[in-house]
PDB file of N, CA and C in Angstrom:
ATOM      1  N   MET A   1     -15.085  13.222  -8.925  1.00  0.00           N
ATOM      2  CA  MET A   1     -13.875  13.083  -9.716  1.00  0.00           C
ATOM      3  C   MET A   1     -14.224  12.369 -11.017  1.00  0.00           C
ATOM      4  N   ASP A   2     -13.621  12.822 -12.062  1.00  0.00           N
ATOM      5  CA  ASP A   2     -13.773  12.226 -13.382  1.00  0.00           C
ATOM      6  C   ASP A   2     -13.298  10.770 -13.354  1.00  0.00           C
ATOM      7  N   ARG A   3     -14.069   9.867 -13.979  1.00  0.00           N
ATOM      8  CA  ARG A   3     -13.750   8.440 -13.970  1.00  0.00           C
ATOM      9  C   ARG A   3     -12.360   8.153 -14.541  1.00  0.00           C
ATOM     10  N   GLN A   4     -12.009   8.806 -15.631  1.00  0.00           N
ATOM     11  CA  GLN A   4     -10.706   8.564 -16.248  1.00  0.00           C
ATOM     12  C   GLN A   4      -9.572   8.983 -15.317  1.00  0.00           C
ATOM     13  N   ARG A   5      -9.753  10.109 -14.637  1.00  0.00           N
ATOM     14  CA  ARG A   5      -8.733  10.579 -13.694  1.00  0.00           C
ATOM     15  C   ARG A   5      -8.589   9.573 -12.550  1.00  0.00           C
ATOM     16  N   ALA A   6      -9.707   9.060 -12.056  1.00  0.00           N
ATOM     17  CA  ALA A   6      -9.666   8.067 -10.983  1.00  0.00           C
ATOM     18  C   ALA A   6      -8.941   6.801 -11.453  1.00  0.00           C
ATOM     19  N   GLU A   7      -9.261   6.340 -12.660  1.00  0.00           N
ATOM     20  CA  GLU A   7      -8.583   5.161 -13.202  1.00  0.00           C
ATOM     21  C   GLU A   7      -7.083   5.395 -13.318  1.00  0.00           C
ATOM     22  N   ASP A   8      -6.700   6.578 -13.794  1.00  0.00           N
ATOM     23  CA  ASP A   8      -5.279   6.916 -13.930  1.00  0.00           C
ATOM     24  C   ASP A   8      -4.581   6.908 -12.576  1.00  0.00           C
ATOM     25  N   LEU A   9      -5.190   7.564 -11.587  1.00  0.00           N
ATOM     26  CA  LEU A   9      -4.591   7.641 -10.254  1.00  0.00           C
ATOM     27  C   LEU A   9      -4.446   6.255  -9.631  1.00  0.00           C
ATOM     28  N   LEU A  10      -5.496   5.456  -9.734  1.00  0.00           N
ATOM     29  CA  LEU A  10      -5.439   4.117  -9.163  1.00  0.00           C
ATOM     30  C   LEU A  10      -4.437   3.237  -9.902  1.00  0.00           C
ATOM     31  N   GLY A  11      -4.371   3.364 -11.211  1.00  0.00           N
ATOM     32  CA  GLY A  11      -3.392   2.599 -11.985  1.00  0.00           C
ATOM     33  C   GLY A  11      -1.965   2.971 -11.625  1.00  0.00           C
ATOM     34  N   GLU A  12      -1.711   4.262 -11.474  1.00  0.00           N
ATOM     35  CA  GLU A  12      -0.372   4.719 -11.083  1.00  0.00           C
ATOM     36  C   GLU A  12      -0.008   4.209  -9.688  1.00  0.00           C
ATOM     37  N   GLU A  13      -0.974   4.257  -8.773  1.00  0.00           N
ATOM     38  CA  GLU A  13      -0.721   3.777  -7.415  1.00  0.00           C
ATOM     39  C   GLU A  13      -0.466   2.278  -7.409  1.00  0.00           C
ATOM     40  N   ARG A  14      -1.235   1.532  -8.195  1.00  0.00           N
ATOM     41  CA  ARG A  14      -1.027   0.080  -8.301  1.00  0.00           C
ATOM     42  C   ARG A  14       0.386  -0.210  -8.831  1.00  0.00           C
ATOM     43  N   GLU A  15       0.784   0.462  -9.887  1.00  0.00           N
ATOM     44  CA  GLU A  15       2.120   0.249 -10.462  1.00  0.00           C
ATOM     45  C   GLU A  15       3.212   0.560  -9.447  1.00  0.00           C
ATOM     46  N   ARG A  16       3.052   1.654  -8.719  1.00  0.00           N
ATOM     47  CA  ARG A  16       4.035   2.054  -7.710  1.00  0.00           C
ATOM     48  C   ARG A  16       4.148   0.989  -6.627  1.00  0.00           C
ATOM     49  N   LEU A  17       3.011   0.506  -6.159  1.00  0.00           N
ATOM     50  CA  LEU A  17       3.004  -0.489  -5.090  1.00  0.00           C
ATOM     51  C   LEU A  17       3.581  -1.824  -5.548  1.00  0.00           C
ATOM     52  N   VAL A  18       3.238  -2.247  -6.753  1.00  0.00           N
ATOM     53  CA  VAL A  18       3.778  -3.505  -7.277  1.00  0.00           C
ATOM     54  C   VAL A  18       5.302  -3.411  -7.390  1.00  0.00           C
ATOM     55  N   ALA A  19       5.811  -2.294  -7.871  1.00  0.00           N
ATOM     56  CA  ALA A  19       7.264  -2.109  -7.979  1.00  0.00           C
ATOM     57  C   ALA A  19       7.919  -2.145  -6.596  1.00  0.00           C
ATOM     58  N   LEU A  20       7.298  -1.489  -5.626  1.00  0.00           N
ATOM     59  CA  LEU A  20       7.847  -1.492  -4.267  1.00  0.00           C
ATOM     60  C   LEU A  20       7.805  -2.887  -3.651  1.00  0.00           C
ATOM     61  N   LEU A  21       6.725  -3.623  -3.905  1.00  0.00           N
ATOM     62  CA  LEU A  21       6.634  -4.996  -3.401  1.00  0.00           C
ATOM     63  C   LEU A  21       7.701  -5.892  -4.031  1.00  0.00           C
ATOM     64  N   GLU A  22       7.922  -5.719  -5.322  1.00  0.00           N
ATOM     65  CA  GLU A  22       8.963  -6.504  -5.993  1.00  0.00           C
ATOM     66  C   GLU A  22      10.327  -6.180  -5.401  1.00  0.00           C
ATOM     67  N   GLN A  23      10.584  -4.910  -5.148  1.00  0.00           N
ATOM     68  CA  GLN A  23      11.861  -4.512  -4.561  1.00  0.00           C
ATOM     69  C   GLN A  23      12.002  -5.053  -3.143  1.00  0.00           C
ATOM     70  N   ALA A  24      10.927  -5.025  -2.374  1.00  0.00           N
ATOM     71  CA  ALA A  24      10.961  -5.560  -1.012  1.00  0.00           C
ATOM     72  C   ALA A  24      11.247  -7.063  -1.046  1.00  0.00           C
ATOM     73  N   SER A  25      10.691  -7.752  -2.041  1.00  0.00           N
ATOM     74  CA  SER A  25      10.926  -9.176  -2.179  1.00  0.00           C
ATOM     75  C   SER A  25      12.391  -9.458  -2.496  1.00  0.00           C
ATOM     76  N   VAL A  26      12.948  -8.684  -3.403  1.00  0.00           N
ATOM     77  CA  VAL A  26      14.359  -8.830  -3.758  1.00  0.00           C
ATOM     78  C   VAL A  26      15.233  -8.543  -2.542  1.00  0.00           C
ATOM     79  N   ASN A  27      14.940  -7.456  -1.835  1.00  0.00           N
ATOM     80  CA  ASN A  27      15.716  -7.104  -0.648  1.00  0.00           C
ATOM     81  C   ASN A  27      15.633  -8.214   0.394  1.00  0.00           C
ATOM     82  N   GLY A  28      14.441  -8.762   0.580  1.00  0.00           N
ATOM     83  CA  GLY A  28      14.267  -9.835   1.548  1.00  0.00           C
ATOM     84  C   GLY A  28      15.070 -11.068   1.175  1.00  0.00           C
ATOM     85  N   ALA A  29      15.078 -11.412  -0.106  1.00  0.00           N
ATOM     86  CA  ALA A  29      15.841 -12.578  -0.558  1.00  0.00           C
ATOM     87  C   ALA A  29      17.336 -12.369  -0.339  1.00  0.00           C
ATOM     88  N   VAL A  30      17.815 -11.172  -0.628  1.00  0.00           N
ATOM     89  CA  VAL A  30      19.237 -10.860  -0.430  1.00  0.00           C
ATOM     90  C   VAL A  30      19.576 -10.932   1.052  1.00  0.00           C
ATOM     91  N   GLU A  31      18.715 -10.379   1.890  1.00  0.00           N
ATOM     92  CA  GLU A  31      18.948 -10.391   3.333  1.00  0.00           C
ATOM     93  C   GLU A  31      18.950 -11.829   3.859  1.00  0.00           C
ATOM     94  N   ARG A  32      18.009 -12.644   3.402  1.00  0.00           N
ATOM     95  CA  ARG A  32      17.941 -14.034   3.867  1.00  0.00           C
ATOM     96  C   ARG A  32      19.168 -14.819   3.427  1.00  0.00           C
ATOM     97  N   GLU A  33      19.607 -14.548   2.201  1.00  0.00           N
ATOM     98  CA  GLU A  33      20.806 -15.217   1.694  1.00  0.00           C
ATOM     99  C   GLU A  33      22.014 -14.829   2.532  1.00  0.00           C
ATOM    100  N   GLY A  34      22.125 -13.549   2.851  1.00  0.00           N
ATOM    101  CA  GLY A  34      23.235 -13.071   3.668  1.00  0.00           C
ATOM    102  C   GLY A  34      23.212 -13.643   5.069  1.00  0.00           C
ATOM    103  N   ALA A  35      22.026 -13.900   5.596  1.00  0.00           N
ATOM    104  CA  ALA A  35      21.905 -14.448   6.946  1.00  0.00           C
ATOM    105  C   ALA A  35      22.429 -15.875   7.015  1.00  0.00           C
ATOM    106  N   ASN A  36      22.422 -16.579   5.879  1.00  0.00           N
ATOM    107  CA  ASN A  36      22.873 -17.965   5.866  1.00  0.00           C
ATOM    108  C   ASN A  36      24.368 -18.111   5.611  1.00  0.00           C
ATOM    109  N   GLU A  37      25.055 -17.018   5.314  1.00  0.00           N
ATOM    110  CA  GLU A  37      26.488 -17.070   5.032  1.00  0.00           C
ATOM    111  C   GLU A  37      27.281 -17.028   6.325  1.00  0.00           C
ATOM    112  N   GLN A  38      28.470 -17.639   6.264  1.00  0.00           N
ATOM    113  CA  GLN A  38      29.395 -17.533   7.388  1.00  0.00           C
ATOM    114  C   GLN A  38      29.831 -16.077   7.502  1.00  0.00           C
ATOM    115  N   GLY A  39      29.761 -15.546   8.680  1.00  0.00           N
ATOM    116  CA  GLY A  39      30.080 -14.136   8.840  1.00  0.00           C
ATOM    117  C   GLY A  39      31.288 -13.914   9.716  1.00  0.00           C
ATOM    118  N   ASP A  40      31.569 -12.638   9.923  1.00  0.00           N
ATOM    119  CA  ASP A  40      32.644 -12.276  10.832  1.00  0.00           C
ATOM    120  C   ASP A  40      32.024 -11.989  12.199  1.00  0.00           C
ATOM    121  N   LEU A  41      32.512 -11.029  12.878  1.00  0.00           N
ATOM    122  CA  LEU A  41      32.059 -10.757  14.230  1.00  0.00           C
ATOM    123  C   LEU A  41      30.915  -9.765  14.292  1.00  0.00           C
ATOM    124  N   THR A  42      30.038  -9.764  13.323  1.00  0.00           N
ATOM    125  CA  THR A  42      28.888  -8.856  13.349  1.00  0.00           C
ATOM    126  C   THR A  42      27.797  -9.445  14.227  1.00  0.00           C
ATOM    127  N   ASP A  43      26.847  -8.635  14.552  1.00  0.00           N
ATOM    128  CA  ASP A  43      25.714  -9.054  15.379  1.00  0.00           C
ATOM    129  C   ASP A  43      24.894 -10.085  14.616  1.00  0.00           C
ATOM    130  N   SER A  44      24.789 -11.294  15.148  1.00  0.00           N
ATOM    131  CA  SER A  44      24.089 -12.370  14.435  1.00  0.00           C
ATOM    132  C   SER A  44      22.582 -12.131  14.358  1.00  0.00           C
ATOM    133  N   ALA A  45      22.048 -11.244  15.189  1.00  0.00           N
ATOM    134  CA  ALA A  45      20.612 -10.946  15.149  1.00  0.00           C
ATOM    135  C   ALA A  45      20.272  -9.903  14.102  1.00  0.00           C
ATOM    136  N   GLU A  46      21.263  -9.204  13.597  1.00  0.00           N
ATOM    137  CA  GLU A  46      21.019  -8.114  12.646  1.00  0.00           C
ATOM    138  C   GLU A  46      20.257  -8.559  11.404  1.00  0.00           C
ATOM    139  N   PRO A  47      20.620  -9.675  10.773  1.00  0.00           N
ATOM    140  CA  PRO A  47      19.850 -10.088   9.582  1.00  0.00           C
ATOM    141  C   PRO A  47      18.390 -10.360   9.902  1.00  0.00           C
ATOM    142  N   PHE A  48      18.112 -10.877  11.088  1.00  0.00           N
ATOM    143  CA  PHE A  48      16.726 -11.164  11.451  1.00  0.00           C
ATOM    144  C   PHE A  48      15.930  -9.885  11.661  1.00  0.00           C
ATOM    145  N   THR A  49      16.581  -8.866  12.212  1.00  0.00           N
ATOM    146  CA  THR A  49      15.926  -7.574  12.387  1.00  0.00           C
ATOM    147  C   THR A  49      15.590  -6.976  11.030  1.00  0.00           C
ATOM    148  N   SER A  50      16.544  -7.023  10.097  1.00  0.00           N
ATOM    149  CA  SER A  50      16.290  -6.518   8.749  1.00  0.00           C
ATOM    150  C   SER A  50      15.200  -7.325   8.061  1.00  0.00           C
ATOM    151  N   GLU A  51      15.207  -8.625   8.273  1.00  0.00           N
ATOM    152  CA  GLU A  51      14.189  -9.483   7.670  1.00  0.00           C
ATOM    153  C   GLU A  51      12.811  -9.117   8.210  1.00  0.00           C
ATOM    154  N   GLU A  52      12.701  -8.884   9.494  1.00  0.00           N
ATOM    155  CA  GLU A  52      11.423  -8.495  10.095  1.00  0.00           C
ATOM    156  C   GLU A  52      10.963  -7.148   9.550  1.00  0.00           C
ATOM    157  N   GLU A  53      11.901  -6.219   9.387  1.00  0.00           N
ATOM    158  CA  GLU A  53      11.557  -4.913   8.819  1.00  0.00           C
ATOM    159  C   GLU A  53      11.051  -5.059   7.391  1.00  0.00           C
ATOM    160  N   ASN A  54      11.746  -5.861   6.580  1.00  0.00           N
ATOM    161  CA  ASN A  54      11.315  -6.093   5.195  1.00  0.00           C
ATOM    162  C   ASN A  54       9.940  -6.746   5.153  1.00  0.00           C
ATOM    163  N   ASP A  55       9.700  -7.698   6.050  1.00  0.00           N
ATOM    164  CA  ASP A  55       8.396  -8.365   6.089  1.00  0.00           C
ATOM    165  C   ASP A  55       7.296  -7.383   6.473  1.00  0.00           C
ATOM    166  N   ALA A  56       7.584  -6.494   7.426  1.00  0.00           N
ATOM    167  CA  ALA A  56       6.595  -5.495   7.854  1.00  0.00           C
ATOM    168  C   ALA A  56       6.303  -4.518   6.722  1.00  0.00           C
ATOM    169  N   ILE A  57       7.329  -4.104   6.009  1.00  0.00           N
ATOM    170  CA  ILE A  57       7.144  -3.193   4.875  1.00  0.00           C
ATOM    171  C   ILE A  57       6.318  -3.877   3.794  1.00  0.00           C
ATOM    172  N   ALA A  58       6.655  -5.127   3.490  1.00  0.00           N
ATOM    173  CA  ALA A  58       5.907  -5.868   2.465  1.00  0.00           C
ATOM    174  C   ALA A  58       4.447  -6.034   2.877  1.00  0.00           C
ATOM    175  N   ALA A  59       4.190  -6.297   4.152  1.00  0.00           N
ATOM    176  CA  ALA A  59       2.810  -6.456   4.622  1.00  0.00           C
ATOM    177  C   ALA A  59       2.041  -5.142   4.487  1.00  0.00           C
ATOM    178  N   SER A  60       2.695  -4.048   4.812  1.00  0.00           N
ATOM    179  CA  SER A  60       2.061  -2.739   4.690  1.00  0.00           C
ATOM    180  C   SER A  60       1.759  -2.407   3.230  1.00  0.00           C
ATOM    181  N   LEU A  61       2.692  -2.704   2.349  1.00  0.00           N
ATOM    182  CA  LEU A  61       2.476  -2.474   0.924  1.00  0.00           C
ATOM    183  C   LEU A  61       1.352  -3.356   0.395  1.00  0.00           C
ATOM    184  N   GLN A  62       1.283  -4.588   0.873  1.00  0.00           N
ATOM    185  CA  GLN A  62       0.220  -5.506   0.445  1.00  0.00           C
ATOM    186  C   GLN A  62      -1.139  -4.991   0.905  1.00  0.00           C
ATOM    187  N   GLU A  63      -1.215  -4.477   2.120  1.00  0.00           N
ATOM    188  CA  GLU A  63      -2.472  -3.897   2.614  1.00  0.00           C
ATOM    189  C   GLU A  63      -2.898  -2.716   1.754  1.00  0.00           C
ATOM    190  N   ARG A  64      -1.930  -1.896   1.388  1.00  0.00           N
ATOM    191  CA  ARG A  64      -2.224  -0.733   0.547  1.00  0.00           C
ATOM    192  C   ARG A  64      -2.710  -1.190  -0.832  1.00  0.00           C
ATOM    193  N   LEU A  65      -2.085  -2.223  -1.370  1.00  0.00           N
ATOM    194  CA  LEU A  65      -2.496  -2.763  -2.670  1.00  0.00           C
ATOM    195  C   LEU A  65      -3.930  -3.302  -2.595  1.00  0.00           C
ATOM    196  N   GLU A  66      -4.282  -3.914  -1.486  1.00  0.00           N
ATOM    197  CA  GLU A  66      -5.656  -4.396  -1.295  1.00  0.00           C
ATOM    198  C   GLU A  66      -6.636  -3.221  -1.235  1.00  0.00           C
ATOM    199  N   ALA A  67      -6.221  -2.103  -0.630  1.00  0.00           N
ATOM    200  CA  ALA A  67      -7.072  -0.905  -0.587  1.00  0.00           C
ATOM    201  C   ALA A  67      -7.288  -0.361  -2.000  1.00  0.00           C
ATOM    202  N   VAL A  68      -6.250  -0.408  -2.822  1.00  0.00           N
ATOM    203  CA  VAL A  68      -6.379   0.027  -4.216  1.00  0.00           C
ATOM    204  C   VAL A  68      -7.352  -0.895  -4.953  1.00  0.00           C
ATOM    205  N   SER A  69      -7.269  -2.193  -4.709  1.00  0.00           N
ATOM    206  CA  SER A  69      -8.199  -3.140  -5.346  1.00  0.00           C
ATOM    207  C   SER A  69      -9.640  -2.846  -4.940  1.00  0.00           C
ATOM    208  N   ARG A  70      -9.847  -2.531  -3.670  1.00  0.00           N
ATOM    209  CA  ARG A  70     -11.206  -2.194  -3.220  1.00  0.00           C
ATOM    210  C   ARG A  70     -11.687  -0.913  -3.900  1.00  0.00           C
ATOM    211  N   ALA A  71     -10.793   0.066  -4.063  1.00  0.00           N
ATOM    212  CA  ALA A  71     -11.165   1.319  -4.733  1.00  0.00           C
ATOM    213  C   ALA A  71     -11.501   1.062  -6.197  1.00  0.00           C
ATOM    214  N   GLU A  72     -10.741   0.192  -6.844  1.00  0.00           N
ATOM    215  CA  GLU A  72     -11.040  -0.153  -8.243  1.00  0.00           C
ATOM    216  C   GLU A  72     -12.402  -0.838  -8.341  1.00  0.00           C
ATOM    217  N   GLU A  73     -12.730  -1.663  -7.371  1.00  0.00           N
ATOM    218  CA  GLU A  73     -14.038  -2.320  -7.348  1.00  0.00           C
ATOM    219  C   GLU A  73     -15.143  -1.279  -7.165  1.00  0.00           C
ATOM    220  N   ARG A  74     -14.930  -0.314  -6.272  1.00  0.00           N
ATOM    221  CA  ARG A  74     -15.931   0.750  -6.092  1.00  0.00           C
ATOM    222  C   ARG A  74     -16.085   1.556  -7.369  1.00  0.00           C
ATOM    223  N   LEU A  75     -15.007   1.764  -8.093  1.00  0.00           N
ATOM    224  CA  LEU A  75     -15.073   2.492  -9.360  1.00  0.00           C
ATOM    225  C   LEU A  75     -15.944   1.724 -10.355  1.00  0.00           C
ATOM    226  N   ARG A  76     -15.756   0.405 -10.424  1.00  0.00           N
ATOM    227  CA  ARG A  76     -16.569  -0.428 -11.315  1.00  0.00           C
ATOM    228  C   ARG A  76     -18.039  -0.428 -10.898  1.00  0.00           C
ATOM    229  N   ASN A  77     -18.284  -0.371  -9.585  1.00  0.00           N
ATOM    230  CA  ASN A  77     -19.658  -0.419  -9.058  1.00  0.00           C
ATOM    231  C   ASN A  77     -20.344   0.941  -9.023  1.00  0.00           C
ATOM    232  N   GLY A  78     -19.606   1.996  -9.336  1.00  0.00           N
ATOM    233  CA  GLY A  78     -20.194   3.328  -9.326  1.00  0.00           C
ATOM    234  C   GLY A  78     -20.264   3.982  -7.964  1.00  0.00           C
ATOM    235  N   THR A  79     -19.525   3.448  -6.980  1.00  0.00           N
ATOM    236  CA  THR A  79     -19.534   4.042  -5.643  1.00  0.00           C
ATOM    237  C   THR A  79     -18.197   4.683  -5.280  1.00  0.00           C
ATOM    238  N   TYR A  80     -17.302   4.771  -6.251  1.00  0.00           N
ATOM    239  CA  TYR A  80     -16.011   5.410  -5.994  1.00  0.00           C
ATOM    240  C   TYR A  80     -16.235   6.876  -5.649  1.00  0.00           C
ATOM    241  N   GLY A  81     -15.469   7.353  -4.672  1.00  0.00           N
ATOM    242  CA  GLY A  81     -15.593   8.745  -4.268  1.00  0.00           C
ATOM    243  C   GLY A  81     -16.615   8.964  -3.175  1.00  0.00           C
ATOM    244  N   LEU A  82     -17.183   7.867  -2.680  1.00  0.00           N
ATOM    245  CA  LEU A  82     -18.133   7.936  -1.573  1.00  0.00           C
ATOM    246  C   LEU A  82     -17.558   7.167  -0.387  1.00  0.00           C
ATOM    247  N   SER A  83     -17.775   7.674   0.800  1.00  0.00           N
ATOM    248  CA  SER A  83     -17.321   7.000   2.006  1.00  0.00           C
ATOM    249  C   SER A  83     -17.956   5.619   2.097  1.00  0.00           C
ATOM    250  N   VAL A  84     -17.144   4.621   2.438  1.00  0.00           N
ATOM    251  CA  VAL A  84     -17.675   3.269   2.613  1.00  0.00           C
ATOM    252  C   VAL A  84     -18.454   3.152   3.920  1.00  0.00           C
ATOM    253  N   LEU A  85     -18.275   4.116   4.800  1.00  0.00           N
ATOM    254  CA  LEU A  85     -18.970   4.104   6.083  1.00  0.00           C
ATOM    255  C   LEU A  85     -20.316   4.812   6.013  1.00  0.00           C
ATOM    256  N   SER A  86     -20.294   6.043   5.506  1.00  0.00           N
ATOM    257  CA  SER A  86     -21.504   6.865   5.534  1.00  0.00           C
ATOM    258  C   SER A  86     -22.114   7.132   4.166  1.00  0.00           C
ATOM    259  N   GLY A  87     -21.346   6.896   3.111  1.00  0.00           N
ATOM    260  CA  GLY A  87     -21.824   7.230   1.768  1.00  0.00           C
ATOM    261  C   GLY A  87     -21.620   8.693   1.420  1.00  0.00           C
ATOM    262  N   ALA A  88     -21.013   9.460   2.338  1.00  0.00           N
ATOM    263  CA  ALA A  88     -20.746  10.881   2.083  1.00  0.00           C
ATOM    264  C   ALA A  88     -19.697  11.010   0.982  1.00  0.00           C
ATOM    265  N   PRO A  89     -19.831  12.034   0.134  1.00  0.00           N
ATOM    266  CA  PRO A  89     -18.847  12.226  -0.933  1.00  0.00           C
ATOM    267  C   PRO A  89     -17.470  12.599  -0.377  1.00  0.00           C
ATOM    268  N   LEU A  90     -16.456  12.051  -1.009  1.00  0.00           N
ATOM    269  CA  LEU A  90     -15.076  12.404  -0.671  1.00  0.00           C
ATOM    270  C   LEU A  90     -14.644  13.516  -1.618  1.00  0.00           C
ATOM    271  N   PRO A  91     -14.075  14.589  -1.085  1.00  0.00           N
ATOM    272  CA  PRO A  91     -13.641  15.687  -1.958  1.00  0.00           C
ATOM    273  C   PRO A  91     -12.579  15.218  -2.956  1.00  0.00           C
ATOM    274  N   ASP A  92     -12.597  15.805  -4.138  1.00  0.00           N
ATOM    275  CA  ASP A  92     -11.600  15.464  -5.155  1.00  0.00           C
ATOM    276  C   ASP A  92     -10.178  15.634  -4.629  1.00  0.00           C
ATOM    277  N   GLU A  93      -9.963  16.654  -3.803  1.00  0.00           N
ATOM    278  CA  GLU A  93      -8.621  16.891  -3.245  1.00  0.00           C
ATOM    279  C   GLU A  93      -8.170  15.684  -2.417  1.00  0.00           C
ATOM    280  N   ARG A  94      -9.086  15.096  -1.692  1.00  0.00           N
ATOM    281  CA  ARG A  94      -8.759  13.911  -0.877  1.00  0.00           C
ATOM    282  C   ARG A  94      -8.407  12.734  -1.773  1.00  0.00           C
ATOM    283  N   LEU A  95      -9.167  12.557  -2.848  1.00  0.00           N
ATOM    284  CA  LEU A  95      -8.906  11.456  -3.766  1.00  0.00           C
ATOM    285  C   LEU A  95      -7.625  11.673  -4.568  1.00  0.00           C
ATOM    286  N   GLU A  96      -7.301  12.915  -4.847  1.00  0.00           N
ATOM    287  CA  GLU A  96      -6.022  13.207  -5.517  1.00  0.00           C
ATOM    288  C   GLU A  96      -4.858  12.821  -4.607  1.00  0.00           C
ATOM    289  N   ALA A  97      -4.993  13.126  -3.313  1.00  0.00           N
ATOM    290  CA  ALA A  97      -3.932  12.827  -2.356  1.00  0.00           C
ATOM    291  C   ALA A  97      -3.863  11.334  -2.046  1.00  0.00           C
ATOM    292  N   ASP A  98      -5.029  10.690  -1.999  1.00  0.00           N
ATOM    293  CA  ASP A  98      -5.109   9.265  -1.699  1.00  0.00           C
ATOM    294  C   ASP A  98      -6.223   8.654  -2.531  1.00  0.00           C
ATOM    295  N   PRO A  99      -5.898   8.172  -3.732  1.00  0.00           N
ATOM    296  CA  PRO A  99      -6.939   7.654  -4.620  1.00  0.00           C
ATOM    297  C   PRO A  99      -7.677   6.439  -4.065  1.00  0.00           C
ATOM    298  N   ALA A 100      -7.130   5.791  -3.051  1.00  0.00           N
ATOM    299  CA  ALA A 100      -7.789   4.625  -2.460  1.00  0.00           C
ATOM    300  C   ALA A 100      -8.549   4.992  -1.185  1.00  0.00           C
ATOM    301  N   ALA A 101      -8.723   6.284  -0.931  1.00  0.00           N
ATOM    302  CA  ALA A 101      -9.398   6.722   0.293  1.00  0.00           C
ATOM    303  C   ALA A 101     -10.769   6.076   0.408  1.00  0.00           C
ATOM    304  N   GLU A 102     -11.083   5.635   1.617  1.00  0.00           N
ATOM    305  CA  GLU A 102     -12.360   4.976   1.865  1.00  0.00           C
ATOM    306  C   GLU A 102     -13.271   5.785   2.779  1.00  0.00           C
ATOM    307  N   LEU A 103     -12.691   6.711   3.531  1.00  0.00           N
ATOM    308  CA  LEU A 103     -13.439   7.489   4.515  1.00  0.00           C
ATOM    309  C   LEU A 103     -13.194   8.973   4.329  1.00  0.00           C
ATOM    310  N   THR A 104     -14.130   9.783   4.819  1.00  0.00           N
ATOM    311  CA  THR A 104     -13.890  11.223   4.857  1.00  0.00           C
ATOM    312  C   THR A 104     -12.822  11.490   5.916  1.00  0.00           C
ATOM    313  N   VAL A 105     -12.214  12.639   5.881  1.00  0.00           N
ATOM    314  CA  VAL A 105     -11.200  12.993   6.872  1.00  0.00           C
ATOM    315  C   VAL A 105     -11.802  12.942   8.273  1.00  0.00           C
ATOM    316  N   GLU A 106     -13.026  13.438   8.409  1.00  0.00           N
ATOM    317  CA  GLU A 106     -13.683  13.442   9.715  1.00  0.00           C
ATOM    318  C   GLU A 106     -13.897  12.026  10.232  1.00  0.00           C
ATOM    319  N   GLU A 107     -14.336  11.124   9.367  1.00  0.00           N
ATOM    320  CA  GLU A 107     -14.540   9.733   9.758  1.00  0.00           C
ATOM    321  C   GLU A 107     -13.222   9.073  10.137  1.00  0.00           C
ATOM    322  N   LEU A 108     -12.178   9.390   9.407  1.00  0.00           N
ATOM    323  CA  LEU A 108     -10.864   8.847   9.677  1.00  0.00           C
ATOM    324  C   LEU A 108     -10.360   9.321  11.040  1.00  0.00           C
ATOM    325  N   GLU A 109     -10.558  10.595  11.335  1.00  0.00           N
ATOM    326  CA  GLU A 109     -10.119  11.152  12.618  1.00  0.00           C
ATOM    327  C   GLU A 109     -10.904  10.574  13.773  1.00  0.00           C
ATOM    328  N   ASN A 110     -12.160  10.189  13.557  1.00  0.00           N
ATOM    329  CA  ASN A 110     -13.006   9.664  14.634  1.00  0.00           C
ATOM    330  C   ASN A 110     -12.901   8.147  14.791  1.00  0.00           C
ATOM    331  N   SER A 111     -12.148   7.506  13.921  1.00  0.00           N
ATOM    332  CA  SER A 111     -12.062   6.034  14.026  1.00  0.00           C
ATOM    333  C   SER A 111     -10.932   5.596  14.924  1.00  0.00           C
TER     334      SER A 111
END
């Protein structure tokens, strides 16, 4: 894959993830604020369930952002587009679909 295309894809993915993380943070703050208010006869556990869901989503987004950071590091080191496990080349189609891909499809299926 062309270096500029890889930089563009990773930059777009980083921007998308940062925006989603910011939104998850806002949603979490709103949910936490609502949990502290006097309520009516709603399920008192509901805010905690939503809070746990928001935390899980934020953790997943953070993990994905870390994968993008690792891919950016591989791009700087000249190893982008190669499996971190075997060193086998990753097809451009795979990198287009997932610019932070670290493994070949076969390696992913066998892990």
